[in-house]
Amino acid sequence: ALRPLPKVPDAVDAKGPDAWGWRDRNGENVVV
């Protein structure tokens, strides 16, 4: 299930207070 993230992972090149994540066949997904 889509879940809110407390912060944007360091590996992701994006800034913003709002981030969500989920896991699927591609790995860990992050939306900012």
Full PDB file with SEQRES, HELIX, SHEET, SSBOND, CRYST1, ORIGX, SCALE, CONECT and MASTER records, all heavy atoms in Angstrom:
SEQRES   1 A   32  ALA LEU ARG PRO LEU PRO LYS VAL PRO ASP ALA VAL ASP          
SEQRES   2 A   32  ALA LYS GLY PRO ASP ALA TRP GLY TRP ARG ASP ARG ASN          
SEQRES   3 A   32  GLY GLU ASN VAL VAL VAL                                      
SHEET    1 AA1 2 TRP A  20  ASP A  24  0                                        
SHEET    2 AA1 2 GLY A  27  VAL A  31 -1                                        
CRYST1    1.000    1.000    1.000  90.00  90.00  90.00 P 1           1          
ORIGX1      1.000000  0.000000  0.000000        0.00000                         
ORIGX2      0.000000  1.000000  0.000000        0.00000                         
ORIGX3      0.000000  0.000000  1.000000        0.00000                         
SCALE1      1.000000  0.000000  0.000000        0.00000                         
SCALE2      0.000000  1.000000  0.000000        0.00000                         
SCALE3      0.000000  0.000000  1.000000        0.00000                         
ATOM      1  N   ALA A   1       0.843  -1.198   0.000  1.00  0.00           N  
ATOM      2  CA  ALA A   1       0.000   0.000   0.000  1.00  0.00           C  
ATOM      3  C   ALA A   1       0.877   1.247   0.000  1.00  0.00           C  
ATOM      4  O   ALA A   1       1.960   1.280   0.571  1.00  0.00           O  
ATOM      5  CB  ALA A   1      -0.906  -0.010   1.224  1.00  0.00           C  
ATOM      6  N   LEU A   2       0.380   2.278  -0.647  1.00  0.00           N  
ATOM      7  CA  LEU A   2       1.053   3.562  -0.644  1.00  0.00           C  
ATOM      8  C   LEU A   2       1.143   4.078   0.790  1.00  0.00           C  
ATOM      9  O   LEU A   2       0.181   4.016   1.543  1.00  0.00           O  
ATOM     10  CB  LEU A   2       0.254   4.539  -1.505  1.00  0.00           C  
ATOM     11  CG  LEU A   2       0.883   5.879  -1.845  1.00  0.00           C  
ATOM     12  CD1 LEU A   2       2.064   5.687  -2.779  1.00  0.00           C  
ATOM     13  CD2 LEU A   2      -0.173   6.776  -2.493  1.00  0.00           C  
ATOM     14  N   ARG A   3       2.304   4.569   1.162  1.00  0.00           N  
ATOM     15  CA  ARG A   3       2.497   5.028   2.536  1.00  0.00           C  
ATOM     16  C   ARG A   3       3.243   6.362   2.543  1.00  0.00           C  
ATOM     17  O   ARG A   3       4.151   6.573   1.720  1.00  0.00           O  
ATOM     18  CB  ARG A   3       3.293   3.988   3.337  1.00  0.00           C  
ATOM     19  CG  ARG A   3       4.703   3.763   2.810  1.00  0.00           C  
ATOM     20  CD  ARG A   3       5.367   2.529   3.402  1.00  0.00           C  
ATOM     21  NE  ARG A   3       6.769   2.401   3.006  1.00  0.00           N  
ATOM     22  CZ  ARG A   3       7.176   1.899   1.856  1.00  0.00           C  
ATOM     23  NH1 ARG A   3       6.298   1.476   0.959  1.00  0.00           N  
ATOM     24  NH2 ARG A   3       8.465   1.824   1.573  1.00  0.00           N  
ATOM     25  N   PRO A   4       2.893   7.272   3.434  1.00  0.00           N  
ATOM     26  CA  PRO A   4       3.647   8.520   3.562  1.00  0.00           C  
ATOM     27  C   PRO A   4       5.065   8.236   4.050  1.00  0.00           C  
ATOM     28  O   PRO A   4       5.277   7.347   4.882  1.00  0.00           O  
ATOM     29  CB  PRO A   4       2.853   9.312   4.603  1.00  0.00           C  
ATOM     30  CG  PRO A   4       1.519   8.645   4.677  1.00  0.00           C  
ATOM     31  CD  PRO A   4       1.741   7.214   4.349  1.00  0.00           C  
ATOM     32  N   LEU A   5       6.019   8.988   3.548  1.00  0.00           N  
ATOM     33  CA  LEU A   5       7.409   8.855   3.982  1.00  0.00           C  
ATOM     34  C   LEU A   5       7.769  10.044   4.865  1.00  0.00           C  
ATOM     35  O   LEU A   5       7.383  11.182   4.571  1.00  0.00           O  
ATOM     36  CB  LEU A   5       8.351   8.814   2.775  1.00  0.00           C  
ATOM     37  CG  LEU A   5       8.148   7.656   1.788  1.00  0.00           C  
ATOM     38  CD1 LEU A   5       9.149   7.768   0.628  1.00  0.00           C  
ATOM     39  CD2 LEU A   5       8.282   6.308   2.478  1.00  0.00           C  
ATOM     40  N   PRO A   6       8.517   9.812   5.954  1.00  0.00           N  
ATOM     41  CA  PRO A   6       8.887  10.924   6.834  1.00  0.00           C  
ATOM     42  C   PRO A   6       9.804  11.926   6.165  1.00  0.00           C  
ATOM     43  O   PRO A   6       9.826  13.106   6.531  1.00  0.00           O  
ATOM     44  CB  PRO A   6       9.575  10.222   8.014  1.00  0.00           C  
ATOM     45  CG  PRO A   6      10.030   8.899   7.463  1.00  0.00           C  
ATOM     46  CD  PRO A   6       9.011   8.509   6.449  1.00  0.00           C  
ATOM     47  N   LYS A   7      10.586  11.456   5.173  1.00  0.00           N  
ATOM     48  CA  LYS A   7      11.459  12.364   4.431  1.00  0.00           C  
ATOM     49  C   LYS A   7      11.821  11.717   3.101  1.00  0.00           C  
ATOM     50  O   LYS A   7      11.642  10.505   2.907  1.00  0.00           O  
ATOM     51  CB  LYS A   7      12.723  12.704   5.225  1.00  0.00           C  
ATOM     52  CG  LYS A   7      13.713  11.576   5.369  1.00  0.00           C  
ATOM     53  CD  LYS A   7      14.910  12.012   6.182  1.00  0.00           C  
ATOM     54  CE  LYS A   7      16.043  10.989   6.162  1.00  0.00           C  
ATOM     55  NZ  LYS A   7      16.702  10.903   4.832  1.00  0.00           N  
ATOM     56  N   VAL A   8      12.330  12.526   2.188  1.00  0.00           N  
ATOM     57  CA  VAL A   8      12.773  12.018   0.893  1.00  0.00           C  
ATOM     58  C   VAL A   8      14.085  11.258   1.097  1.00  0.00           C  
ATOM     59  O   VAL A   8      15.017  11.783   1.713  1.00  0.00           O  
ATOM     60  CB  VAL A   8      12.981  13.169  -0.110  1.00  0.00           C  
ATOM     61  CG1 VAL A   8      13.476  12.633  -1.451  1.00  0.00           C  
ATOM     62  CG2 VAL A   8      11.695  13.953  -0.289  1.00  0.00           C  
ATOM     63  N   PRO A   9      14.193  10.007   0.622  1.00  0.00           N  
ATOM     64  CA  PRO A   9      15.446   9.266   0.766  1.00  0.00           C  
ATOM     65  C   PRO A   9      16.618  10.025   0.152  1.00  0.00           C  
ATOM     66  O   PRO A   9      16.475  10.716  -0.867  1.00  0.00           O  
ATOM     67  CB  PRO A   9      15.176   7.959   0.000  1.00  0.00           C  
ATOM     68  CG  PRO A   9      13.689   7.804   0.049  1.00  0.00           C  
ATOM     69  CD  PRO A   9      13.130   9.193  -0.013  1.00  0.00           C  
ATOM     70  N   ASP A  10      17.787   9.893   0.764  1.00  0.00           N  
ATOM     71  CA  ASP A  10      18.969  10.626   0.298  1.00  0.00           C  
ATOM     72  C   ASP A  10      19.327  10.286  -1.142  1.00  0.00           C  
ATOM     73  O   ASP A  10      19.885  11.123  -1.867  1.00  0.00           O  
ATOM     74  CB  ASP A  10      20.169  10.314   1.207  1.00  0.00           C  
ATOM     75  CG  ASP A  10      19.983  10.847   2.625  1.00  0.00           C  
ATOM     76  OD1 ASP A  10      19.184  11.795   2.799  1.00  0.00           O  
ATOM     77  OD2 ASP A  10      20.626  10.318   3.553  1.00  0.00           O  
ATOM     78  N   ALA A  11      19.027   9.076  -1.577  1.00  0.00           N  
ATOM     79  CA  ALA A  11      19.403   8.657  -2.928  1.00  0.00           C  
ATOM     80  C   ALA A  11      18.561   9.314  -4.011  1.00  0.00           C  
ATOM     81  O   ALA A  11      18.935   9.307  -5.186  1.00  0.00           O  
ATOM     82  CB  ALA A  11      19.283   7.138  -3.048  1.00  0.00           C  
ATOM     83  N   VAL A  12      17.426   9.899  -3.632  1.00  0.00           N  
ATOM     84  CA  VAL A  12      16.497  10.474  -4.608  1.00  0.00           C  
ATOM     85  C   VAL A  12      16.796  11.952  -4.800  1.00  0.00           C  
ATOM     86  O   VAL A  12      16.860  12.719  -3.836  1.00  0.00           O  
ATOM     87  CB  VAL A  12      15.041  10.272  -4.147  1.00  0.00           C  
ATOM     88  CG1 VAL A  12      14.082  11.027  -5.059  1.00  0.00           C  
ATOM     89  CG2 VAL A  12      14.701   8.790  -4.128  1.00  0.00           C  
ATOM     90  N   ASP A  13      16.952  12.350  -6.054  1.00  0.00           N  
ATOM     91  CA  ASP A  13      17.250  13.743  -6.383  1.00  0.00           C  
ATOM     92  C   ASP A  13      15.953  14.527  -6.534  1.00  0.00           C  
ATOM     93  O   ASP A  13      15.495  14.813  -7.642  1.00  0.00           O  
ATOM     94  CB  ASP A  13      18.063  13.811  -7.678  1.00  0.00           C  
ATOM     95  CG  ASP A  13      18.460  15.244  -8.041  1.00  0.00           C  
ATOM     96  OD1 ASP A  13      18.432  16.107  -7.144  1.00  0.00           O  
ATOM     97  OD2 ASP A  13      18.798  15.490  -9.223  1.00  0.00           O  
ATOM     98  N   ALA A  14      15.324  14.840  -5.418  1.00  0.00           N  
ATOM     99  CA  ALA A  14      14.087  15.615  -5.408  1.00  0.00           C  
ATOM    100  C   ALA A  14      13.936  16.257  -4.043  1.00  0.00           C  
ATOM    101  O   ALA A  14      14.367  15.696  -3.031  1.00  0.00           O  
ATOM    102  CB  ALA A  14      12.879  14.737  -5.718  1.00  0.00           C  
ATOM    103  N   LYS A  15      13.339  17.431  -4.013  1.00  0.00           N  
ATOM    104  CA  LYS A  15      13.109  18.137  -2.768  1.00  0.00           C  
ATOM    105  C   LYS A  15      11.619  18.364  -2.591  1.00  0.00           C  
ATOM    106  O   LYS A  15      10.893  18.534  -3.555  1.00  0.00           O  
ATOM    107  CB  LYS A  15      13.844  19.478  -2.768  1.00  0.00           C  
ATOM    108  CG  LYS A  15      15.362  19.358  -2.855  1.00  0.00           C  
ATOM    109  CD  LYS A  15      16.011  20.730  -2.859  1.00  0.00           C  
ATOM    110  CE  LYS A  15      17.535  20.619  -2.950  1.00  0.00           C  
ATOM    111  NZ  LYS A  15      18.176  21.966  -2.982  1.00  0.00           N  
ATOM    112  N   GLY A  16      11.190  18.381  -1.362  1.00  0.00           N  
ATOM    113  CA  GLY A  16       9.784  18.643  -1.106  1.00  0.00           C  
ATOM    114  C   GLY A  16       9.344  18.016   0.206  1.00  0.00           C  
ATOM    115  O   GLY A  16       9.856  16.975   0.607  1.00  0.00           O  
ATOM    116  N   PRO A  17       8.389  18.640   0.856  1.00  0.00           N  
ATOM    117  CA  PRO A  17       7.915  18.106   2.134  1.00  0.00           C  
ATOM    118  C   PRO A  17       7.014  16.893   2.006  1.00  0.00           C  
ATOM    119  O   PRO A  17       6.819  16.162   2.968  1.00  0.00           O  
ATOM    120  CB  PRO A  17       7.144  19.290   2.733  1.00  0.00           C  
ATOM    121  CG  PRO A  17       6.638  20.026   1.523  1.00  0.00           C  
ATOM    122  CD  PRO A  17       7.715  19.886   0.480  1.00  0.00           C  
ATOM    123  N   ASP A  18       6.441  16.676   0.807  1.00  0.00           N  
ATOM    124  CA  ASP A  18       5.461  15.609   0.638  1.00  0.00           C  
ATOM    125  C   ASP A  18       6.050  14.472  -0.176  1.00  0.00           C  
ATOM    126  O   ASP A  18       6.404  14.645  -1.349  1.00  0.00           O  
ATOM    127  CB  ASP A  18       4.206  16.138  -0.060  1.00  0.00           C  
ATOM    128  CG  ASP A  18       3.518  17.234   0.741  1.00  0.00           C  
ATOM    129  OD1 ASP A  18       3.474  17.110   1.977  1.00  0.00           O  
ATOM    130  OD2 ASP A  18       3.043  18.200   0.133  1.00  0.00           O  
ATOM    131  N   ALA A  19       6.153  13.293   0.453  1.00  0.00           N  
ATOM    132  CA  ALA A  19       6.719  12.126  -0.222  1.00  0.00           C  
ATOM    133  C   ALA A  19       5.968  10.873   0.197  1.00  0.00           C  
ATOM    134  O   ALA A  19       5.513  10.748   1.339  1.00  0.00           O  
ATOM    135  CB  ALA A  19       8.209  11.987   0.097  1.00  0.00           C  
ATOM    136  N   TRP A  20       5.831   9.943  -0.741  1.00  0.00           N  
ATOM    137  CA  TRP A  20       5.155   8.664  -0.498  1.00  0.00           C  
ATOM    138  C   TRP A  20       5.983   7.551  -1.112  1.00  0.00           C  
ATOM    139  O   TRP A  20       6.798   7.796  -2.006  1.00  0.00           O  
ATOM    140  CB  TRP A  20       3.762   8.644  -1.124  1.00  0.00           C  
ATOM    141  CG  TRP A  20       2.805   9.647  -0.565  1.00  0.00           C  
ATOM    142  CD1 TRP A  20       1.892   9.450   0.430  1.00  0.00           C  
ATOM    143  CD2 TRP A  20       2.644  11.011  -0.963  1.00  0.00           C  
ATOM    144  NE1 TRP A  20       1.180  10.598   0.676  1.00  0.00           N  
ATOM    145  CE2 TRP A  20       1.614  11.572  -0.165  1.00  0.00           C  
ATOM    146  CE3 TRP A  20       3.282  11.818  -1.924  1.00  0.00           C  
ATOM    147  CZ2 TRP A  20       1.216  12.891  -0.302  1.00  0.00           C  
ATOM    148  CZ3 TRP A  20       2.876  13.140  -2.058  1.00  0.00           C  
ATOM    149  CH2 TRP A  20       1.855  13.662  -1.247  1.00  0.00           C  
ATOM    150  N   GLY A  21       5.750   6.326  -0.634  1.00  0.00           N  
ATOM    151  CA  GLY A  21       6.515   5.212  -1.176  1.00  0.00           C  
ATOM    152  C   GLY A  21       5.720   3.919  -1.204  1.00  0.00           C  
ATOM    153  O   GLY A  21       4.686   3.795  -0.542  1.00  0.00           O  
ATOM    154  N   TRP A  22       6.220   2.963  -1.970  1.00  0.00           N  
ATOM    155  CA  TRP A  22       5.677   1.601  -2.003  1.00  0.00           C  
ATOM    156  C   TRP A  22       6.742   0.694  -2.614  1.00  0.00           C  
ATOM    157  O   TRP A  22       7.705   1.159  -3.214  1.00  0.00           O  
ATOM    158  CB  TRP A  22       4.377   1.537  -2.830  1.00  0.00           C  
ATOM    159  CG  TRP A  22       4.575   1.643  -4.317  1.00  0.00           C  
ATOM    160  CD1 TRP A  22       4.798   0.626  -5.203  1.00  0.00           C  
ATOM    161  CD2 TRP A  22       4.593   2.851  -5.087  1.00  0.00           C  
ATOM    162  NE1 TRP A  22       4.945   1.115  -6.484  1.00  0.00           N  
ATOM    163  CE2 TRP A  22       4.812   2.480  -6.435  1.00  0.00           C  
ATOM    164  CE3 TRP A  22       4.425   4.200  -4.772  1.00  0.00           C  
ATOM    165  CZ2 TRP A  22       4.893   3.415  -7.468  1.00  0.00           C  
ATOM    166  CZ3 TRP A  22       4.504   5.134  -5.802  1.00  0.00           C  
ATOM    167  CH2 TRP A  22       4.730   4.734  -7.129  1.00  0.00           C  
ATOM    168  N   ARG A  23       6.573  -0.606  -2.432  1.00  0.00           N  
ATOM    169  CA  ARG A  23       7.504  -1.575  -2.997  1.00  0.00           C  
ATOM    170  C   ARG A  23       6.797  -2.404  -4.064  1.00  0.00           C  
ATOM    171  O   ARG A  23       5.651  -2.826  -3.883  1.00  0.00           O  
ATOM    172  CB  ARG A  23       8.042  -2.510  -1.905  1.00  0.00           C  
ATOM    173  CG  ARG A  23       9.025  -3.568  -2.436  1.00  0.00           C  
ATOM    174  CD  ARG A  23       9.286  -4.635  -1.381  1.00  0.00           C  
ATOM    175  NE  ARG A  23       9.999  -4.077  -0.228  1.00  0.00           N  
ATOM    176  CZ  ARG A  23      11.321  -3.988  -0.161  1.00  0.00           C  
ATOM    177  NH1 ARG A  23      12.070  -4.433  -1.156  1.00  0.00           N  
ATOM    178  NH2 ARG A  23      11.895  -3.479   0.908  1.00  0.00           N  
ATOM    179  N   ASP A  24       7.472  -2.610  -5.194  1.00  0.00           N  
ATOM    180  CA  ASP A  24       6.961  -3.515  -6.214  1.00  0.00           C  
ATOM    181  C   ASP A  24       8.142  -4.176  -6.920  1.00  0.00           C  
ATOM    182  O   ASP A  24       9.261  -4.180  -6.398  1.00  0.00           O  
ATOM    183  CB  ASP A  24       6.013  -2.803  -7.188  1.00  0.00           C  
ATOM    184  CG  ASP A  24       6.695  -1.709  -8.012  1.00  0.00           C  
ATOM    185  OD1 ASP A  24       7.947  -1.654  -8.041  1.00  0.00           O  
ATOM    186  OD2 ASP A  24       5.981  -0.913  -8.645  1.00  0.00           O  
ATOM    187  N   ARG A  25       7.917  -4.730  -8.085  1.00  0.00           N  
ATOM    188  CA  ARG A  25       8.960  -5.458  -8.797  1.00  0.00           C  
ATOM    189  C   ARG A  25      10.161  -4.575  -9.150  1.00  0.00           C  
ATOM    190  O   ARG A  25      11.284  -5.060  -9.323  1.00  0.00           O  
ATOM    191  CB  ARG A  25       8.374  -6.062 -10.083  1.00  0.00           C  
ATOM    192  CG  ARG A  25       9.223  -7.158 -10.704  1.00  0.00           C  
ATOM    193  CD  ARG A  25       8.537  -7.722 -11.932  1.00  0.00           C  
ATOM    194  NE  ARG A  25       8.501  -6.722 -13.013  1.00  0.00           N  
ATOM    195  CZ  ARG A  25       7.785  -6.846 -14.120  1.00  0.00           C  
ATOM    196  NH1 ARG A  25       6.985  -7.897 -14.270  1.00  0.00           N  
ATOM    197  NH2 ARG A  25       7.825  -5.922 -15.054  1.00  0.00           N  
ATOM    198  N   ASN A  26       9.937  -3.260  -9.243  1.00  0.00           N  
ATOM    199  CA  ASN A  26      11.029  -2.334  -9.540  1.00  0.00           C  
ATOM    200  C   ASN A  26      11.873  -2.007  -8.322  1.00  0.00           C  
ATOM    201  O   ASN A  26      12.922  -1.380  -8.455  1.00  0.00           O  
ATOM    202  CB  ASN A  26      10.468  -1.035 -10.122  1.00  0.00           C  
ATOM    203  CG  ASN A  26      10.042  -1.182 -11.565  1.00  0.00           C  
ATOM    204  OD1 ASN A  26      10.627  -1.970 -12.318  1.00  0.00           O  
ATOM    205  ND2 ASN A  26       9.023  -0.433 -11.964  1.00  0.00           N  
ATOM    206  N   GLY A  27      11.413  -2.371  -7.140  1.00  0.00           N  
ATOM    207  CA  GLY A  27      12.134  -2.057  -5.908  1.00  0.00           C  
ATOM    208  C   GLY A  27      11.341  -1.091  -5.051  1.00  0.00           C  
ATOM    209  O   GLY A  27      10.115  -1.153  -4.989  1.00  0.00           O  
ATOM    210  N   GLU A  28      12.054  -0.196  -4.368  1.00  0.00           N  
ATOM    211  CA  GLU A  28      11.410   0.823  -3.535  1.00  0.00           C  
ATOM    212  C   GLU A  28      11.074   2.033  -4.413  1.00  0.00           C  
ATOM    213  O   GLU A  28      11.955   2.619  -5.036  1.00  0.00           O  
ATOM    214  CB  GLU A  28      12.334   1.255  -2.396  1.00  0.00           C  
ATOM    215  CG  GLU A  28      12.606   0.178  -1.368  1.00  0.00           C  
ATOM    216  CD  GLU A  28      11.384  -0.103  -0.489  1.00  0.00           C  
ATOM    217  OE1 GLU A  28      10.431   0.712  -0.521  1.00  0.00           O  
ATOM    218  OE2 GLU A  28      11.389  -1.126   0.204  1.00  0.00           O  
ATOM    219  N   ASN A  29       9.817   2.389  -4.452  1.00  0.00           N  
ATOM    220  CA  ASN A  29       9.371   3.517  -5.255  1.00  0.00           C  
ATOM    221  C   ASN A  29       9.131   4.729  -4.375  1.00  0.00           C  
ATOM    222  O   ASN A  29       8.599   4.610  -3.262  1.00  0.00           O  
ATOM    223  CB  ASN A  29       8.078   3.162  -5.985  1.00  0.00           C  
ATOM    224  CG  ASN A  29       8.279   2.068  -7.015  1.00  0.00           C  
ATOM    225  OD1 ASN A  29       8.481   2.331  -8.193  1.00  0.00           O  
ATOM    226  ND2 ASN A  29       8.227   0.810  -6.576  1.00  0.00           N  
ATOM    227  N   VAL A  30       9.497   5.897  -4.882  1.00  0.00           N  
ATOM    228  CA  VAL A  30       9.358   7.140  -4.131  1.00  0.00           C  
ATOM    229  C   VAL A  30       8.710   8.191  -5.027  1.00  0.00           C  
ATOM    230  O   VAL A  30       9.174   8.444  -6.150  1.00  0.00           O  
ATOM    231  CB  VAL A  30      10.723   7.661  -3.641  1.00  0.00           C  
ATOM    232  CG1 VAL A  30      10.552   8.988  -2.890  1.00  0.00           C  
ATOM    233  CG2 VAL A  30      11.404   6.631  -2.754  1.00  0.00           C  
ATOM    234  N   VAL A  31       7.633   8.791  -4.537  1.00  0.00           N  
ATOM    235  CA  VAL A  31       6.964   9.884  -5.231  1.00  0.00           C  
ATOM    236  C   VAL A  31       7.090  11.132  -4.374  1.00  0.00           C  
ATOM    237  O   VAL A  31       6.791  11.101  -3.170  1.00  0.00           O  
ATOM    238  CB  VAL A  31       5.483   9.561  -5.490  1.00  0.00           C  
ATOM    239  CG1 VAL A  31       4.727  10.797  -5.950  1.00  0.00           C  
ATOM    240  CG2 VAL A  31       5.356   8.466  -6.531  1.00  0.00           C  
ATOM    241  N   VAL A  32       7.544  12.209  -4.981  1.00  0.00           N  
ATOM    242  CA  VAL A  32       7.724  13.480  -4.283  1.00  0.00           C  
ATOM    243  C   VAL A  32       6.930  14.558  -5.015  1.00  0.00           C  
ATOM    244  O   VAL A  32       6.977  14.639  -6.246  1.00  0.00           O  
ATOM    245  CB  VAL A  32       9.217  13.884  -4.220  1.00  0.00           C  
ATOM    246  CG1 VAL A  32       9.382  15.217  -3.480  1.00  0.00           C  
ATOM    247  CG2 VAL A  32      10.037  12.793  -3.549  1.00  0.00           C  
TER     248      VAL A  32                                                      
MASTER        0    0    0    0    2    0    0    6  247    1    0    3          
END                                                                             
